[in-house]
């Protein structure tokens, strides 16, 4: 791979979680090193993407907890988030758009506190029905295909009278594979409807998180789907 990458370290300072990021660059010999001022690819040279400079996605080890945060920049390459996470094992996905760089989102594992190592290997299981209800709001997911290397439409049935734009669109969708290694940020097909377009490269289980702003409140609906090999 080539272009821009990001490296994050998470630590606690005065009861606030701080995330520090250093932009890395790839030289001709393939060696990655810290970007420094003057190279033209510093961490502060980010482009606003979906109304935010940085989308910070966090999931726990079992993909049960999901956080979509927007850290505040406090200095060159430093961002702070006010969310304090429970003790546990997590993976973070730093969704940014560096200026004039190719960027790939990779998982960054980290630990908060002193969690007990889980002895249960909880695996994802596909949902029998792609219908979820959160705080009295029901959202149904309709997928046009469950196979690899085919265009897939994700259409959500919900009460559109309560729906308002979120992050510049009628919803926001994040998809992870069962090992939380492959990250997909799915864009809406248009600005009017909660319909999203994507493609799955590999078979397996995937967890889909769909966020919608309904009556002024953001709610997250999750679904687990099985993707089979193309015919």
Protein backbone atom coordinates (compact mmCIF):
# COMPACT_ATOMS: atom_id res chain seq x y z
CA UNK A 1 0.00 0.00 0.00
CA UNK A 2 1.10 3.59 -0.41
CA UNK A 3 0.16 7.11 0.55
CA UNK A 4 -1.07 8.43 3.89
CA UNK A 5 -1.73 6.39 6.98
CA UNK A 6 -2.68 7.35 10.49
CA UNK A 7 -1.40 6.08 13.84
CA UNK A 8 -3.40 6.64 16.99
CA UNK A 9 -2.58 6.14 20.63
CA UNK A 10 -5.28 6.36 23.24
CA UNK A 11 -4.71 7.42 26.80
CA UNK A 12 -6.51 9.11 29.68
CA UNK A 13 -5.68 12.59 30.91
CA UNK A 14 -7.64 14.21 33.74
CA UNK A 15 -10.67 11.97 33.17
CA UNK A 16 -10.84 12.87 29.49
CA UNK A 17 -9.91 10.51 26.74
CA UNK A 18 -7.33 11.98 24.37
CA UNK A 19 -6.45 10.60 20.98
CA UNK A 20 -3.13 11.54 19.41
CA UNK A 21 -2.52 11.00 15.73
CA UNK A 22 0.66 11.19 13.71
CA UNK A 23 0.43 11.21 9.94
CA UNK A 24 2.80 8.68 8.41
CA UNK A 25 4.28 8.78 4.95
CA UNK A 26 5.69 6.13 2.63
CA UNK A 27 9.06 6.75 1.04
CA UNK A 28 10.22 5.22 -2.22
CA UNK A 29 11.88 2.37 -0.32
CA UNK A 30 8.61 1.49 1.37
CA UNK A 31 9.71 2.63 4.84
CA UNK A 32 7.08 4.43 6.88
CA UNK A 33 8.14 7.29 9.12
CA UNK A 34 6.52 10.09 11.03
CA UNK A 35 5.45 13.05 8.95
CA UNK A 36 7.00 16.35 10.05
CA UNK A 37 6.13 19.94 9.28
CA UNK A 38 7.45 20.91 5.91
CA UNK A 39 6.80 17.57 4.21
CA UNK A 40 3.38 18.75 3.07
CA UNK A 41 1.55 15.72 4.49
CA UNK A 42 1.15 16.59 8.17
CA UNK A 43 -1.74 15.30 10.23
CA UNK A 44 -3.41 18.73 10.28
CA UNK A 45 -3.86 18.71 6.49
CA UNK A 46 -7.23 16.98 6.55
CA UNK A 47 -10.25 17.65 4.38
CA UNK A 48 -13.73 17.90 5.90
CA UNK A 49 -15.62 14.72 5.04
CA UNK A 50 -19.33 14.31 5.77
CA UNK A 51 -19.34 17.58 7.73
CA UNK A 52 -16.53 16.46 10.06
CA UNK A 53 -12.75 16.53 10.02
CA UNK A 54 -12.47 13.15 11.70
CA UNK A 55 -14.89 10.27 12.29
CA UNK A 56 -13.73 8.05 15.15
CA UNK A 57 -15.47 4.66 15.09
CA UNK A 58 -14.98 2.32 18.05
CA UNK A 59 -16.28 -1.22 18.63
CA UNK A 60 -15.65 -3.60 21.50
CA UNK A 61 -14.16 -7.08 21.13
CA UNK A 62 -17.55 -8.71 20.52
CA UNK A 63 -18.91 -5.91 18.31
CA UNK A 64 -21.69 -5.34 20.80
CA UNK A 65 -20.75 -1.76 21.69
CA UNK A 66 -20.48 0.81 18.92
CA UNK A 67 -19.42 4.44 19.19
CA UNK A 68 -19.30 7.04 16.43
CA UNK A 69 -17.43 10.03 17.81
CA UNK A 70 -16.11 13.30 16.41
CA UNK A 71 -13.05 14.32 18.42
CA UNK A 72 -12.13 17.95 18.95
CA UNK A 73 -8.79 18.99 17.55
CA UNK A 74 -6.65 20.41 20.35
CA UNK A 75 -3.36 20.81 18.50
CA UNK A 76 -1.25 19.56 15.63
CA UNK A 77 -2.05 15.88 15.30
CA UNK A 78 -4.03 15.79 18.57
CA UNK A 79 -7.73 15.28 19.10
CA UNK A 80 -9.74 14.94 22.30
CA UNK A 81 -12.95 13.01 22.86
CA UNK A 82 -15.13 13.57 25.90
CA UNK A 83 -16.55 10.03 25.85
CA UNK A 84 -15.17 7.84 28.62
CA UNK A 85 -15.28 4.18 27.62
CA UNK A 86 -15.98 1.32 30.03
CA UNK A 87 -13.10 -1.04 30.79
CA UNK A 88 -12.63 -3.36 27.85
CA UNK A 89 -10.84 -4.37 24.69
CA UNK A 90 -11.60 -2.22 21.65
CA UNK A 91 -10.74 -1.50 18.06
CA UNK A 92 -10.77 2.01 16.65
CA UNK A 93 -11.25 3.01 13.02
CA UNK A 94 -10.02 6.47 12.11
CA UNK A 95 -12.02 7.73 9.18
CA UNK A 96 -10.27 10.78 7.75
CA UNK A 97 -9.56 12.29 4.35
CA UNK A 98 -5.97 13.55 4.12
CA UNK A 99 -5.30 16.24 1.57
CA UNK A 100 -3.69 14.87 -1.59
CA UNK A 101 -2.99 11.46 -0.04
CA UNK A 102 -4.36 7.96 -0.54
CA UNK A 103 -5.64 6.70 2.80
CA UNK A 104 -6.80 3.30 4.01
CA UNK A 105 -8.73 2.76 7.25
CA UNK A 106 -7.13 0.04 9.38
CA UNK A 107 -8.20 -1.21 12.83
CA UNK A 108 -6.23 0.04 15.82
CA UNK A 109 -6.65 -2.22 18.88
CA UNK A 110 -6.45 -0.65 22.33
CA UNK A 111 -7.39 -1.41 25.93
CA UNK A 112 -9.20 0.76 28.44
CA UNK A 113 -8.56 0.13 32.13
CA UNK A 114 -7.89 -3.40 33.37
CA UNK A 115 -10.60 -5.54 31.80
CA UNK A 116 -11.00 -9.23 32.55
CA UNK A 117 -10.01 -11.39 29.60
CA UNK A 118 -13.13 -13.02 28.21
CA UNK A 119 -13.08 -16.81 28.14
CA UNK A 120 -16.16 -16.97 25.95
CA UNK A 121 -15.52 -16.75 22.25
CA UNK A 122 -18.72 -15.06 21.22
CA UNK A 123 -19.19 -15.22 17.49
CA UNK A 124 -21.49 -13.21 15.29
CA UNK A 125 -24.62 -14.95 14.08
CA UNK A 126 -26.69 -13.81 11.10
CA UNK A 127 -30.06 -12.29 11.95
CA UNK A 128 -33.15 -14.29 11.05
CA UNK A 129 -34.93 -11.04 10.19
CA UNK A 130 -33.31 -7.74 9.34
CA UNK A 131 -35.65 -5.73 11.53
CA UNK A 132 -34.54 -3.74 14.58
CA UNK A 133 -36.47 -1.59 17.04
CA UNK A 134 -34.69 1.06 19.11
CA UNK A 135 -36.55 3.35 21.52
CA UNK A 136 -39.84 2.55 19.82
CA UNK A 137 -38.56 3.22 16.30
CA UNK A 138 -38.50 0.24 13.93
CA UNK A 139 -36.18 0.08 10.92
CA UNK A 140 -36.11 -2.75 8.38
CA UNK A 141 -33.11 -3.41 6.16
CA UNK A 142 -33.64 -4.68 2.62
CA UNK A 143 -30.57 -5.90 0.70
CA UNK A 144 -30.54 -6.47 -3.03
CA UNK A 145 -27.83 -9.16 -2.89
CA UNK A 146 -26.03 -11.37 -0.38
CA UNK A 147 -23.13 -12.38 -2.64
CA UNK A 148 -19.61 -11.16 -3.16
CA UNK A 149 -18.51 -8.91 -6.01
CA UNK A 150 -22.04 -7.81 -6.82
CA UNK A 151 -23.39 -4.28 -6.39
CA UNK A 152 -25.47 -4.25 -3.22
CA UNK A 153 -28.20 -1.76 -2.36
CA UNK A 154 -29.03 -1.26 1.31
CA UNK A 155 -32.52 0.18 1.57
CA UNK A 156 -33.98 1.02 4.96
CA UNK A 157 -37.72 1.10 5.60
CA UNK A 158 -38.57 3.56 8.37
CA UNK A 159 -40.86 6.45 9.22
CA UNK A 160 -39.48 9.13 6.91
CA UNK A 161 -41.66 11.84 8.46
CA UNK A 162 -39.31 11.74 11.46
CA UNK A 163 -36.12 11.58 9.42
CA UNK A 164 -33.77 14.56 9.06
CA UNK A 165 -30.27 14.79 7.52
CA UNK A 166 -27.35 13.46 9.57
CA UNK A 167 -23.77 14.24 8.55
CA UNK A 168 -25.02 15.73 5.33
CA UNK A 169 -27.11 12.72 4.29
CA UNK A 170 -30.20 10.73 5.20
CA UNK A 171 -28.19 8.42 7.40
CA UNK A 172 -24.76 6.98 7.95
CA UNK A 173 -23.73 3.34 7.51
CA UNK A 174 -20.62 1.51 8.75
CA UNK A 175 -19.91 -2.17 8.04
CA UNK A 176 -17.32 -4.46 9.65
CA UNK A 177 -16.47 -8.08 8.92
CA UNK A 178 -16.75 -10.65 11.71
CA UNK A 179 -13.13 -10.13 12.78
CA UNK A 180 -13.43 -6.34 12.78
CA UNK A 181 -10.61 -6.08 10.28
CA UNK A 182 -12.37 -4.89 7.14
CA UNK A 183 -14.05 -1.47 7.42
CA UNK A 184 -16.62 -0.17 4.97
CA UNK A 185 -17.99 3.35 5.10
CA UNK A 186 -21.05 3.22 2.89
CA UNK A 187 -22.24 6.35 1.14
CA UNK A 188 -25.89 7.08 0.32
CA UNK A 189 -26.86 6.83 -3.32
CA UNK A 190 -28.57 10.24 -3.12
CA UNK A 191 -29.33 12.97 -0.63
CA UNK A 192 -33.05 12.32 -0.39
CA UNK A 193 -33.49 8.67 0.60
CA UNK A 194 -31.97 6.20 3.12
CA UNK A 195 -30.55 4.01 0.36
CA UNK A 196 -26.86 3.05 0.29
CA UNK A 197 -24.64 1.31 -2.24
CA UNK A 198 -21.70 -1.00 -1.52
CA UNK A 199 -19.97 -4.25 -2.54
CA UNK A 200 -18.54 -7.13 -0.51
CA UNK A 201 -15.21 -8.53 -1.70
CA UNK A 202 -15.05 -11.56 0.59
CA UNK A 203 -17.64 -14.04 1.88
CA UNK A 204 -18.42 -14.25 5.57
CA UNK A 205 -20.39 -12.53 8.29
CA UNK A 206 -20.68 -8.76 8.44
CA UNK A 207 -22.19 -6.42 10.99
CA UNK A 208 -23.97 -3.35 9.68
CA UNK A 209 -24.55 -0.26 11.79
CA UNK A 210 -27.03 2.25 10.40
CA UNK A 211 -27.41 5.62 12.10
CA UNK A 212 -30.40 7.85 11.54
CA UNK A 213 -31.48 11.18 12.99
CA UNK A 214 -35.13 10.83 13.96
CA UNK A 215 -37.02 13.66 15.65
CA UNK A 216 -33.69 15.30 16.42
CA UNK A 217 -32.16 12.21 18.08
CA UNK A 218 -29.52 9.94 16.56
CA UNK A 219 -30.33 6.23 16.85
CA UNK A 220 -28.19 3.29 15.79
CA UNK A 221 -29.66 0.09 14.34
CA UNK A 222 -27.44 -2.97 13.87
CA UNK A 223 -27.79 -6.06 11.67
CA UNK A 224 -25.69 -9.15 11.04
CA UNK A 225 -25.73 -10.64 7.53
CA UNK A 226 -24.05 -13.59 5.84
CA UNK A 227 -22.41 -12.97 2.47
CA UNK A 228 -21.84 -15.94 0.18
CA UNK A 229 -19.42 -16.46 -2.73
CA UNK A 230 -20.55 -15.17 -6.09
CA UNK A 231 -22.08 -17.74 -8.40
